[in-house]
Amino acid sequence: MRFIKFISEYMGLLVLAAALLALLFPGLLQQVRPTVINYLLGVVMFGMGLTLKLQDFKVVFSRPKDVIVGCIAQFTVMPLLAWGLARLFSLDEALALGVVLVGCCPGGTASNVITYLAKGDLALSVGMTGVSTLLAPFLTPLLTWALAGKSVDVDVASMFLSILWVVILPIVLGLLVKGLWPKFTEKATDYLPAVSSIAIALIVAIVISANADKLLAGGLMIVLVVMLHNVCGLSLGYLTGRLLGLSEAKKRAVSIEVGMQNSGLASSLATIHFAAYPLATIPGAIFSVWHNLSGAAVAYLYRKGERLSEE
């Protein structure tokens, strides 16, 4: 059990280690079929379904304004930041597409853990993750088409179906399993964070190993863009909450929810729909590594700031 807890608590380091190993020894995973990424992401989403409760969605009805504000920020700040950074740094077509895909995805499941660690509004975070995930089949393809469709062929209908199969269906199955076998689910949830951490680490490793040579040749620029995308998202999310007069706990939740994306979904969609642009999977993989590290740092800074204000 200690080992399981260790994996859960140090997810960022696990993902970073997986990325470095894939970069140094790409041959280990280059034979793995890209479709495996979809199954791994499905495992993560199924785990999310097992942990959700109907009460988690009460915040949507009891505090709709907070959730609506958060979701609008989610699907405007990150997509527009992605588009702006891709143009500012003159990224090539494939990398620009990958950055835009990351920006157009819903909030990541790790955001709930980081919000909890940051002493943010956890109910709001869970509500935002749930609603943005439910909106993703509609908004992710449309936003990707709007921001990247002029340069690449974006099949909106096909992407919509992919998100339904890879994200929504596993979550629904998780909710059904929880309803039918609550005792089994209660025991399984102790292991879910570790399973999700390992699955995300494997997604990152598979994507990076497949593109290791190209990443080593010109990867510093895209790493910088991904870092800026995440940090600006966290900052603008907090600023949005501040401008709207939200409480400190709500500001932290919106900040983290906006800045942390379901980057595994971005890599999965790039693998399925943009095989002609293999580098489009890279931004999602780098984001998966970076946002876990930055998320842990942000949670620490928020907690530290709270302690200083109390003194």
C-alpha atoms as a PDB file:
ATOM      1  CA  MET A   1       0.000   0.000   0.000  1.00  0.00           C
ATOM      2  CA  ARG A   2       2.916   2.352   0.667  1.00  0.00           C
ATOM      3  CA  PHE A   3       4.148   1.759  -2.868  1.00  0.00           C
ATOM      4  CA  ILE A   4       0.698   2.620  -4.280  1.00  0.00           C
ATOM      5  CA  LYS A   5       0.593   5.820  -2.216  1.00  0.00           C
ATOM      6  CA  PHE A   6       4.122   6.731  -3.328  1.00  0.00           C
ATOM      7  CA  ILE A   7       3.180   6.411  -7.016  1.00  0.00           C
ATOM      8  CA  SER A   8       0.083   8.558  -6.489  1.00  0.00           C
ATOM      9  CA  GLU A   9       1.885  11.310  -4.582  1.00  0.00           C
ATOM     10  CA  TYR A  10       4.839  11.523  -6.959  1.00  0.00           C
ATOM     11  CA  MET A  11       2.970  11.246 -10.245  1.00  0.00           C
ATOM     12  CA  GLY A  12       4.882  14.185 -11.740  1.00  0.00           C
ATOM     13  CA  LEU A  13       8.235  12.530 -11.111  1.00  0.00           C
ATOM     14  CA  LEU A  14       6.969   9.204 -12.481  1.00  0.00           C
ATOM     15  CA  VAL A  15       5.811  10.866 -15.718  1.00  0.00           C
ATOM     16  CA  LEU A  16       9.097  12.782 -15.974  1.00  0.00           C
ATOM     17  CA  ALA A  17      11.099   9.559 -15.495  1.00  0.00           C
ATOM     18  CA  ALA A  18       9.023   7.806 -18.173  1.00  0.00           C
ATOM     19  CA  ALA A  19       9.623  10.686 -20.595  1.00  0.00           C
ATOM     20  CA  LEU A  20      13.388  10.691 -20.000  1.00  0.00           C
ATOM     21  CA  LEU A  21      13.648   6.907 -20.400  1.00  0.00           C
ATOM     22  CA  ALA A  22      11.659   7.037 -23.637  1.00  0.00           C
ATOM     23  CA  LEU A  23      13.956   9.778 -24.900  1.00  0.00           C
ATOM     24  CA  LEU A  24      17.134   7.898 -23.984  1.00  0.00           C
ATOM     25  CA  PHE A  25      15.932   4.412 -24.992  1.00  0.00           C
ATOM     26  CA  PRO A  26      13.265   4.982 -27.678  1.00  0.00           C
ATOM     27  CA  GLY A  27      13.593   1.461 -29.087  1.00  0.00           C
ATOM     28  CA  LEU A  28      11.912  -0.059 -26.034  1.00  0.00           C
ATOM     29  CA  LEU A  29       8.458   1.209 -26.987  1.00  0.00           C
ATOM     30  CA  GLN A  30       8.698   1.996 -30.690  1.00  0.00           C
ATOM     31  CA  GLN A  31       7.007  -1.294 -31.578  1.00  0.00           C
ATOM     32  CA  VAL A  32       3.945  -0.495 -29.472  1.00  0.00           C
ATOM     33  CA  ARG A  33       0.961   0.320 -31.677  1.00  0.00           C
ATOM     34  CA  PRO A  34      -0.299   3.913 -31.279  1.00  0.00           C
ATOM     35  CA  THR A  35      -3.867   2.656 -30.698  1.00  0.00           C
ATOM     36  CA  VAL A  36      -2.718   1.434 -27.269  1.00  0.00           C
ATOM     37  CA  ILE A  37      -2.808   5.106 -26.208  1.00  0.00           C
ATOM     38  CA  ASN A  38      -6.602   5.099 -26.590  1.00  0.00           C
ATOM     39  CA  TYR A  39      -6.988   2.070 -24.313  1.00  0.00           C
ATOM     40  CA  LEU A  40      -4.701   3.596 -21.694  1.00  0.00           C
ATOM     41  CA  LEU A  41      -6.674   6.852 -21.754  1.00  0.00           C
ATOM     42  CA  GLY A  42      -9.867   4.804 -21.480  1.00  0.00           C
ATOM     43  CA  VAL A  43      -8.495   3.223 -18.300  1.00  0.00           C
ATOM     44  CA  VAL A  44      -7.875   6.693 -16.820  1.00  0.00           C
ATOM     45  CA  MET A  45     -11.385   7.860 -17.735  1.00  0.00           C
ATOM     46  CA  PHE A  46     -12.947   4.644 -16.375  1.00  0.00           C
ATOM     47  CA  GLY A  47     -11.144   5.310 -13.097  1.00  0.00           C
ATOM     48  CA  MET A  48     -12.534   8.836 -13.086  1.00  0.00           C
ATOM     49  CA  GLY A  49     -16.045   7.395 -13.494  1.00  0.00           C
ATOM     50  CA  LEU A  50     -15.483   5.077 -10.525  1.00  0.00           C
ATOM     51  CA  THR A  51     -14.542   8.000  -8.281  1.00  0.00           C
ATOM     52  CA  LEU A  52     -17.372  10.341  -9.301  1.00  0.00           C
ATOM     53  CA  LYS A  53     -20.594  10.612  -7.317  1.00  0.00           C
ATOM     54  CA  LEU A  54     -23.882  12.164  -8.338  1.00  0.00           C
ATOM     55  CA  GLN A  55     -23.376  14.618  -5.468  1.00  0.00           C
ATOM     56  CA  ASP A  56     -20.276  15.896  -7.279  1.00  0.00           C
ATOM     57  CA  PHE A  57     -22.529  17.339  -9.954  1.00  0.00           C
ATOM     58  CA  LYS A  58     -24.788  19.128  -7.455  1.00  0.00           C
ATOM     59  CA  VAL A  59     -22.434  22.094  -7.690  1.00  0.00           C
ATOM     60  CA  VAL A  60     -23.528  22.476 -11.330  1.00  0.00           C
ATOM     61  CA  PHE A  61     -27.087  23.186 -10.178  1.00  0.00           C
ATOM     62  CA  SER A  62     -26.413  24.816  -6.803  1.00  0.00           C
ATOM     63  CA  ARG A  63     -23.672  27.155  -8.120  1.00  0.00           C
ATOM     64  CA  PRO A  64     -24.150  27.265 -11.896  1.00  0.00           C
ATOM     65  CA  LYS A  65     -22.545  30.708 -12.232  1.00  0.00           C
ATOM     66  CA  ASP A  66     -19.191  29.476 -10.873  1.00  0.00           C
ATOM     67  CA  VAL A  67     -19.171  26.420 -13.147  1.00  0.00           C
ATOM     68  CA  ILE A  68     -20.236  28.411 -16.224  1.00  0.00           C
ATOM     69  CA  VAL A  69     -17.527  31.027 -15.587  1.00  0.00           C
ATOM     70  CA  GLY A  70     -14.931  28.287 -15.183  1.00  0.00           C
ATOM     71  CA  CYS A  71     -15.969  26.416 -18.336  1.00  0.00           C
ATOM     72  CA  ILE A  72     -16.064  29.577 -20.449  1.00  0.00           C
ATOM     73  CA  ALA A  73     -12.538  30.367 -19.237  1.00  0.00           C
ATOM     74  CA  GLN A  74     -11.502  26.760 -19.980  1.00  0.00           C
ATOM     75  CA  PHE A  75     -12.663  26.833 -23.584  1.00  0.00           C
ATOM     76  CA  THR A  76     -11.525  30.379 -24.408  1.00  0.00           C
ATOM     77  CA  VAL A  77      -8.284  31.054 -22.515  1.00  0.00           C
ATOM     78  CA  MET A  78      -6.427  27.848 -23.387  1.00  0.00           C
ATOM     79  CA  PRO A  79      -7.473  27.546 -27.071  1.00  0.00           C
ATOM     80  CA  LEU A  80      -6.685  31.220 -27.790  1.00  0.00           C
ATOM     81  CA  LEU A  81      -3.388  30.999 -25.891  1.00  0.00           C
ATOM     82  CA  ALA A  82      -2.458  27.943 -27.934  1.00  0.00           C
ATOM     83  CA  TRP A  83      -3.268  29.665 -31.209  1.00  0.00           C
ATOM     84  CA  GLY A  84      -1.399  32.831 -30.173  1.00  0.00           C
ATOM     85  CA  LEU A  85       1.737  31.004 -28.991  1.00  0.00           C
ATOM     86  CA  ALA A  86       1.848  28.856 -32.130  1.00  0.00           C
ATOM     87  CA  ARG A  87       1.814  32.002 -34.255  1.00  0.00           C
ATOM     88  CA  LEU A  88       4.190  33.948 -32.005  1.00  0.00           C
ATOM     89  CA  PHE A  89       6.835  31.220 -32.166  1.00  0.00           C
ATOM     90  CA  SER A  90       6.108  30.360 -35.833  1.00  0.00           C
ATOM     91  CA  LEU A  91       5.688  26.661 -35.066  1.00  0.00           C
ATOM     92  CA  ASP A  92       5.508  24.315 -38.006  1.00  0.00           C
ATOM     93  CA  GLU A  93       2.109  22.963 -38.994  1.00  0.00           C
ATOM     94  CA  ALA A  94       2.252  19.698 -37.031  1.00  0.00           C
ATOM     95  CA  LEU A  95       3.488  21.190 -33.744  1.00  0.00           C
ATOM     96  CA  ALA A  96       1.033  24.093 -34.010  1.00  0.00           C
ATOM     97  CA  LEU A  97      -1.790  21.603 -34.483  1.00  0.00           C
ATOM     98  CA  GLY A  98      -0.629  19.658 -31.399  1.00  0.00           C
ATOM     99  CA  VAL A  99      -0.515  22.811 -29.251  1.00  0.00           C
ATOM    100  CA  VAL A 100      -3.994  23.843 -30.435  1.00  0.00           C
ATOM    101  CA  LEU A 101      -5.326  20.333 -29.676  1.00  0.00           C
ATOM    102  CA  VAL A 102      -4.019  20.579 -26.110  1.00  0.00           C
ATOM    103  CA  GLY A 103      -5.643  23.985 -25.720  1.00  0.00           C
ATOM    104  CA  CYS A 104      -9.009  22.761 -26.997  1.00  0.00           C
ATOM    105  CA  CYS A 105      -9.222  19.753 -24.661  1.00  0.00           C
ATOM    106  CA  PRO A 106     -11.178  19.732 -21.382  1.00  0.00           C
ATOM    107  CA  GLY A 107      -9.649  19.925 -17.924  1.00  0.00           C
ATOM    108  CA  GLY A 108      -7.493  17.024 -16.805  1.00  0.00           C
ATOM    109  CA  THR A 109      -8.346  14.630 -13.979  1.00  0.00           C
ATOM    110  CA  ALA A 110      -5.140  15.581 -12.142  1.00  0.00           C
ATOM    111  CA  SER A 111      -6.575  19.071 -11.633  1.00  0.00           C
ATOM    112  CA  ASN A 112      -8.877  17.766  -8.907  1.00  0.00           C
ATOM    113  CA  VAL A 113      -5.946  16.359  -6.939  1.00  0.00           C
ATOM    114  CA  ILE A 114      -3.924  19.563  -7.347  1.00  0.00           C
ATOM    115  CA  THR A 115      -6.924  21.700  -6.305  1.00  0.00           C
ATOM    116  CA  TYR A 116      -7.279  19.595  -3.172  1.00  0.00           C
ATOM    117  CA  LEU A 117      -3.572  19.992  -2.379  1.00  0.00           C
ATOM    118  CA  ALA A 118      -3.796  23.742  -3.033  1.00  0.00           C
ATOM    119  CA  LYS A 119      -6.754  24.066  -0.617  1.00  0.00           C
ATOM    120  CA  GLY A 120      -8.952  25.273  -3.439  1.00  0.00           C
ATOM    121  CA  ASP A 121     -12.689  24.708  -3.935  1.00  0.00           C
ATOM    122  CA  LEU A 122     -12.677  20.970  -4.678  1.00  0.00           C
ATOM    123  CA  ALA A 123     -16.423  20.739  -5.425  1.00  0.00           C
ATOM    124  CA  LEU A 124     -16.069  23.471  -8.046  1.00  0.00           C
ATOM    125  CA  SER A 125     -13.024  21.744  -9.547  1.00  0.00           C
ATOM    126  CA  VAL A 126     -14.833  18.398  -9.851  1.00  0.00           C
ATOM    127  CA  GLY A 127     -17.902  20.117 -11.286  1.00  0.00           C
ATOM    128  CA  MET A 128     -15.819  21.973 -13.865  1.00  0.00           C
ATOM    129  CA  THR A 129     -13.923  18.817 -14.868  1.00  0.00           C
ATOM    130  CA  GLY A 130     -17.178  16.906 -15.292  1.00  0.00           C
ATOM    131  CA  VAL A 131     -18.946  19.606 -17.296  1.00  0.00           C
ATOM    132  CA  SER A 132     -15.941  20.434 -19.510  1.00  0.00           C
ATOM    133  CA  THR A 133     -15.500  16.705 -20.219  1.00  0.00           C
ATOM    134  CA  LEU A 134     -19.175  16.381 -21.193  1.00  0.00           C
ATOM    135  CA  LEU A 135     -18.839  19.447 -23.451  1.00  0.00           C
ATOM    136  CA  ALA A 136     -15.604  18.166 -25.034  1.00  0.00           C
ATOM    137  CA  PRO A 137     -17.219  15.995 -27.759  1.00  0.00           C
ATOM    138  CA  PHE A 138     -18.863  19.168 -29.105  1.00  0.00           C
ATOM    139  CA  LEU A 139     -16.371  21.941 -28.330  1.00  0.00           C
ATOM    140  CA  THR A 140     -12.983  20.237 -28.829  1.00  0.00           C
ATOM    141  CA  PRO A 141     -13.578  19.308 -32.500  1.00  0.00           C
ATOM    142  CA  LEU A 142     -15.251  22.652 -33.302  1.00  0.00           C
ATOM    143  CA  LEU A 143     -12.537  24.752 -31.655  1.00  0.00           C
ATOM    144  CA  THR A 144      -9.790  22.682 -33.299  1.00  0.00           C
ATOM    145  CA  TRP A 145     -11.464  23.196 -36.659  1.00  0.00           C
ATOM    146  CA  ALA A 146     -11.891  26.937 -36.026  1.00  0.00           C
ATOM    147  CA  LEU A 147      -8.265  27.496 -34.932  1.00  0.00           C
ATOM    148  CA  ALA A 148      -6.406  24.909 -37.036  1.00  0.00           C
ATOM    149  CA  GLY A 149      -8.865  23.876 -39.742  1.00  0.00           C
ATOM    150  CA  LYS A 150      -7.534  26.352 -42.287  1.00  0.00           C
ATOM    151  CA  SER A 151      -4.167  24.601 -42.405  1.00  0.00           C
ATOM    152  CA  VAL A 152      -5.138  20.969 -41.758  1.00  0.00           C
ATOM    153  CA  ASP A 153      -8.174  18.835 -42.473  1.00  0.00           C
ATOM    154  CA  VAL A 154     -10.119  18.484 -39.210  1.00  0.00           C
ATOM    155  CA  ASP A 155     -12.848  15.827 -39.302  1.00  0.00           C
ATOM    156  CA  VAL A 156     -15.203  17.273 -36.667  1.00  0.00           C
ATOM    157  CA  ALA A 157     -17.711  14.392 -36.738  1.00  0.00           C
ATOM    158  CA  SER A 158     -15.022  11.718 -36.458  1.00  0.00           C
ATOM    159  CA  MET A 159     -13.310  13.548 -33.583  1.00  0.00           C
ATOM    160  CA  PHE A 160     -16.667  13.884 -31.820  1.00  0.00           C
ATOM    161  CA  LEU A 161     -17.164  10.102 -31.996  1.00  0.00           C
ATOM    162  CA  SER A 162     -13.607   9.459 -30.802  1.00  0.00           C
ATOM    163  CA  ILE A 163     -14.141  11.540 -27.660  1.00  0.00           C
ATOM    164  CA  LEU A 164     -17.425   9.737 -27.007  1.00  0.00           C
ATOM    165  CA  TRP A 165     -15.688   6.336 -27.206  1.00  0.00           C
ATOM    166  CA  VAL A 166     -12.420   7.192 -25.483  1.00  0.00           C
ATOM    167  CA  VAL A 167     -13.674   9.595 -22.787  1.00  0.00           C
ATOM    168  CA  ILE A 168     -17.434   9.622 -22.225  1.00  0.00           C
ATOM    169  CA  LEU A 169     -18.142   5.863 -22.563  1.00  0.00           C
ATOM    170  CA  PRO A 170     -15.450   4.786 -20.034  1.00  0.00           C
ATOM    171  CA  ILE A 171     -16.715   7.399 -17.538  1.00  0.00           C
ATOM    172  CA  VAL A 172     -20.304   6.153 -17.939  1.00  0.00           C
ATOM    173  CA  LEU A 173     -19.120   2.545 -17.502  1.00  0.00           C
ATOM    174  CA  GLY A 174     -17.257   3.586 -14.364  1.00  0.00           C
ATOM    175  CA  LEU A 175     -20.418   5.192 -12.961  1.00  0.00           C
ATOM    176  CA  LEU A 176     -22.431   2.046 -13.785  1.00  0.00           C
ATOM    177  CA  VAL A 177     -19.878  -0.270 -12.144  1.00  0.00           C
ATOM    178  CA  LYS A 178     -19.882   1.943  -9.056  1.00  0.00           C
ATOM    179  CA  GLY A 179     -23.673   1.789  -8.895  1.00  0.00           C
ATOM    180  CA  LEU A 180     -23.857  -1.989  -9.392  1.00  0.00           C
ATOM    181  CA  TRP A 181     -20.867  -3.050  -7.259  1.00  0.00           C
ATOM    182  CA  PRO A 182     -20.256  -0.341  -4.634  1.00  0.00           C
ATOM    183  CA  LYS A 183     -18.210  -2.559  -2.294  1.00  0.00           C
ATOM    184  CA  PHE A 184     -15.826  -3.600  -5.064  1.00  0.00           C
ATOM    185  CA  THR A 185     -15.509   0.017  -6.181  1.00  0.00           C
ATOM    186  CA  GLU A 186     -14.742   1.181  -2.643  1.00  0.00           C
ATOM    187  CA  LYS A 187     -11.786  -1.213  -2.471  1.00  0.00           C
ATOM    188  CA  ALA A 188     -10.624  -0.426  -6.013  1.00  0.00           C
ATOM    189  CA  THR A 189     -10.545   3.350  -5.527  1.00  0.00           C
ATOM    190  CA  ASP A 190      -7.509   3.027  -3.239  1.00  0.00           C
ATOM    191  CA  TYR A 191      -5.513   1.847  -6.250  1.00  0.00           C
ATOM    192  CA  LEU A 192      -7.007   4.109  -8.929  1.00  0.00           C
ATOM    193  CA  PRO A 193      -4.667   7.116  -8.553  1.00  0.00           C
ATOM    194  CA  ALA A 194      -1.642   4.846  -8.973  1.00  0.00           C
ATOM    195  CA  VAL A 195      -3.188   3.040 -11.976  1.00  0.00           C
ATOM    196  CA  SER A 196      -4.017   6.383 -13.618  1.00  0.00           C
ATOM    197  CA  SER A 197      -0.491   7.671 -12.941  1.00  0.00           C
ATOM    198  CA  ILE A 198       1.072   4.606 -14.575  1.00  0.00           C
ATOM    199  CA  ALA A 199      -1.300   4.832 -17.569  1.00  0.00           C
ATOM    200  CA  ILE A 200      -0.457   8.517 -18.156  1.00  0.00           C
ATOM    201  CA  ALA A 201       3.265   7.783 -17.805  1.00  0.00           C
ATOM    202  CA  LEU A 202       2.955   5.040 -20.434  1.00  0.00           C
ATOM    203  CA  ILE A 203       1.060   7.355 -22.821  1.00  0.00           C
ATOM    204  CA  VAL A 204       3.841   9.921 -22.506  1.00  0.00           C
ATOM    205  CA  ALA A 205       6.550   7.280 -22.994  1.00  0.00           C
ATOM    206  CA  ILE A 206       4.886   5.813 -26.122  1.00  0.00           C
ATOM    207  CA  VAL A 207       4.448   9.222 -27.766  1.00  0.00           C
ATOM    208  CA  ILE A 208       7.972  10.430 -26.972  1.00  0.00           C
ATOM    209  CA  SER A 209       9.675   7.175 -28.007  1.00  0.00           C
ATOM    210  CA  ALA A 210       7.913   7.317 -31.379  1.00  0.00           C
ATOM    211  CA  ASN A 211       9.257  10.831 -32.016  1.00  0.00           C
ATOM    212  CA  ALA A 212      12.502  10.833 -29.991  1.00  0.00           C
ATOM    213  CA  ASP A 213      14.824  11.771 -32.879  1.00  0.00           C
ATOM    214  CA  LYS A 214      12.739  14.744 -33.993  1.00  0.00           C
ATOM    215  CA  LEU A 215      12.210  15.888 -30.416  1.00  0.00           C
ATOM    216  CA  LEU A 216      15.948  15.848 -29.706  1.00  0.00           C
ATOM    217  CA  ALA A 217      16.629  17.726 -32.940  1.00  0.00           C
ATOM    218  CA  GLY A 218      14.364  20.676 -32.187  1.00  0.00           C
ATOM    219  CA  GLY A 219      12.514  20.052 -28.953  1.00  0.00           C
ATOM    220  CA  LEU A 220      13.561  23.059 -26.850  1.00  0.00           C
ATOM    221  CA  MET A 221      11.221  25.426 -28.668  1.00  0.00           C
ATOM    222  CA  ILE A 222       8.135  23.244 -28.210  1.00  0.00           C
ATOM    223  CA  VAL A 223       9.026  22.609 -24.539  1.00  0.00           C
ATOM    224  CA  LEU A 224       9.153  26.386 -24.006  1.00  0.00           C
ATOM    225  CA  VAL A 225       5.803  26.887 -25.774  1.00  0.00           C
ATOM    226  CA  VAL A 226       4.141  24.142 -23.692  1.00  0.00           C
ATOM    227  CA  MET A 227       5.516  25.617 -20.453  1.00  0.00           C
ATOM    228  CA  LEU A 228       4.271  29.102 -21.387  1.00  0.00           C
ATOM    229  CA  HIS A 229       0.872  27.705 -22.387  1.00  0.00           C
ATOM    230  CA  ASN A 230       0.421  26.063 -18.996  1.00  0.00           C
ATOM    231  CA  VAL A 231       1.819  28.904 -16.859  1.00  0.00           C
ATOM    232  CA  CYS A 232      -0.190  31.569 -18.717  1.00  0.00           C
ATOM    233  CA  GLY A 233      -3.312  29.399 -18.394  1.00  0.00           C
ATOM    234  CA  LEU A 234      -2.832  29.060 -14.629  1.00  0.00           C
ATOM    235  CA  SER A 235      -2.230  32.820 -14.306  1.00  0.00           C
ATOM    236  CA  LEU A 236      -5.132  33.933 -16.510  1.00  0.00           C
ATOM    237  CA  GLY A 237      -7.466  31.462 -14.798  1.00  0.00           C
ATOM    238  CA  TYR A 238      -6.627  33.027 -11.436  1.00  0.00           C
ATOM    239  CA  LEU A 239      -6.959  36.546 -12.898  1.00  0.00           C
ATOM    240  CA  THR A 240     -10.400  35.664 -14.296  1.00  0.00           C
ATOM    241  CA  GLY A 241     -11.555  34.615 -10.837  1.00  0.00           C
ATOM    242  CA  ARG A 242     -10.101  37.779  -9.345  1.00  0.00           C
ATOM    243  CA  LEU A 243     -11.786  40.083 -11.880  1.00  0.00           C
ATOM    244  CA  LEU A 244     -15.120  38.396 -11.147  1.00  0.00           C
ATOM    245  CA  GLY A 245     -14.666  38.782  -7.398  1.00  0.00           C
ATOM    246  CA  LEU A 246     -14.576  35.048  -6.599  1.00  0.00           C
ATOM    247  CA  SER A 247     -13.342  33.810  -3.223  1.00  0.00           C
ATOM    248  CA  GLU A 248      -9.710  32.731  -2.861  1.00  0.00           C
ATOM    249  CA  ALA A 249     -10.645  29.031  -2.858  1.00  0.00           C
ATOM    250  CA  LYS A 250     -12.673  29.481  -6.070  1.00  0.00           C
ATOM    251  CA  LYS A 251      -9.888  31.478  -7.740  1.00  0.00           C
ATOM    252  CA  ARG A 252      -7.457  28.640  -7.058  1.00  0.00           C
ATOM    253  CA  ALA A 253      -9.873  26.054  -8.453  1.00  0.00           C
ATOM    254  CA  VAL A 254     -10.496  28.045 -11.651  1.00  0.00           C
ATOM    255  CA  SER A 255      -6.761  28.722 -12.053  1.00  0.00           C
ATOM    256  CA  ILE A 256      -5.820  25.047 -11.793  1.00  0.00           C
ATOM    257  CA  GLU A 257      -8.788  23.804 -13.820  1.00  0.00           C
ATOM    258  CA  VAL A 258      -8.027  26.198 -16.692  1.00  0.00           C
ATOM    259  CA  GLY A 259      -4.269  25.600 -16.688  1.00  0.00           C
ATOM    260  CA  MET A 260      -4.271  21.792 -16.446  1.00  0.00           C
ATOM    261  CA  GLN A 261      -5.533  20.055 -19.578  1.00  0.00           C
ATOM    262  CA  ASN A 262      -6.480  16.494 -20.491  1.00  0.00           C
ATOM    263  CA  SER A 263      -3.289  16.331 -22.531  1.00  0.00           C
ATOM    264  CA  GLY A 264      -3.528  12.547 -22.842  1.00  0.00           C
ATOM    265  CA  LEU A 265      -6.688  13.094 -24.876  1.00  0.00           C
ATOM    266  CA  ALA A 266      -4.797  15.549 -27.096  1.00  0.00           C
ATOM    267  CA  SER A 267      -2.136  12.920 -27.860  1.00  0.00           C
ATOM    268  CA  SER A 268      -4.827  10.303 -28.452  1.00  0.00           C
ATOM    269  CA  LEU A 269      -6.763  12.513 -30.887  1.00  0.00           C
ATOM    270  CA  ALA A 270      -3.559  13.438 -32.721  1.00  0.00           C
ATOM    271  CA  THR A 271      -2.691   9.741 -33.060  1.00  0.00           C
ATOM    272  CA  ILE A 272      -6.133   8.811 -34.414  1.00  0.00           C
ATOM    273  CA  HIS A 273      -6.959  11.756 -36.659  1.00  0.00           C
ATOM    274  CA  PHE A 274      -3.666  13.327 -37.691  1.00  0.00           C
ATOM    275  CA  ALA A 275      -1.397  10.421 -38.584  1.00  0.00           C
ATOM    276  CA  ALA A 276      -0.008  12.560 -41.417  1.00  0.00           C
ATOM    277  CA  TYR A 277       1.338  14.937 -38.734  1.00  0.00           C
ATOM    278  CA  PRO A 278       3.194  12.636 -36.287  1.00  0.00           C
ATOM    279  CA  LEU A 279       4.729  15.554 -34.368  1.00  0.00           C
ATOM    280  CA  ALA A 280       1.222  16.697 -33.401  1.00  0.00           C
ATOM    281  CA  THR A 281       1.318  14.116 -30.588  1.00  0.00           C
ATOM    282  CA  ILE A 282       4.386  15.738 -28.977  1.00  0.00           C
ATOM    283  CA  PRO A 283       2.842  18.832 -27.310  1.00  0.00           C
ATOM    284  CA  GLY A 284       0.329  16.651 -25.472  1.00  0.00           C
ATOM    285  CA  ALA A 285       3.083  14.364 -24.177  1.00  0.00           C
ATOM    286  CA  ILE A 286       5.243  17.278 -23.012  1.00  0.00           C
ATOM    287  CA  PHE A 287       2.225  18.955 -21.425  1.00  0.00           C
ATOM    288  CA  SER A 288       1.482  15.739 -19.483  1.00  0.00           C
ATOM    289  CA  VAL A 289       4.967  15.868 -17.986  1.00  0.00           C
ATOM    290  CA  TRP A 290       5.113  19.592 -17.338  1.00  0.00           C
ATOM    291  CA  HIS A 291       1.644  20.316 -15.924  1.00  0.00           C
ATOM    292  CA  ASN A 292       2.045  17.674 -13.228  1.00  0.00           C
ATOM    293  CA  LEU A 293       5.300  19.301 -12.111  1.00  0.00           C
ATOM    294  CA  SER A 294       3.941  22.858 -12.328  1.00  0.00           C
ATOM    295  CA  GLY A 295       0.700  21.779 -10.655  1.00  0.00           C
ATOM    296  CA  ALA A 296       2.582  20.421  -7.650  1.00  0.00           C
ATOM    297  CA  ALA A 297       4.601  23.666  -7.479  1.00  0.00           C
ATOM    298  CA  VAL A 298       1.465  25.833  -7.722  1.00  0.00           C
ATOM    299  CA  ALA A 299      -0.246  23.849  -4.959  1.00  0.00           C
ATOM    300  CA  TYR A 300       2.794  24.413  -2.740  1.00  0.00           C
ATOM    301  CA  LEU A 301       2.870  28.156  -3.507  1.00  0.00           C
ATOM    302  CA  TYR A 302      -0.847  28.572  -2.808  1.00  0.00           C
ATOM    303  CA  ARG A 303      -0.507  26.754   0.531  1.00  0.00           C
ATOM    304  CA  LYS A 304       2.579  28.774   1.424  1.00  0.00           C
ATOM    305  CA  GLY A 305       0.828  32.031   0.578  1.00  0.00           C
ATOM    306  CA  GLU A 306      -2.104  31.049   2.774  1.00  0.00           C
ATOM    307  CA  ARG A 307       0.196  30.294   5.721  1.00  0.00           C
ATOM    308  CA  LEU A 308       1.996  33.642   5.301  1.00  0.00           C
ATOM    309  CA  SER A 309      -1.295  35.566   5.232  1.00  0.00           C
ATOM    310  CA  GLU A 310      -2.380  33.863   8.460  1.00  0.00           C
ATOM    311  CA  GLU A 311       0.811  34.837  10.301  1.00  0.00           C
END
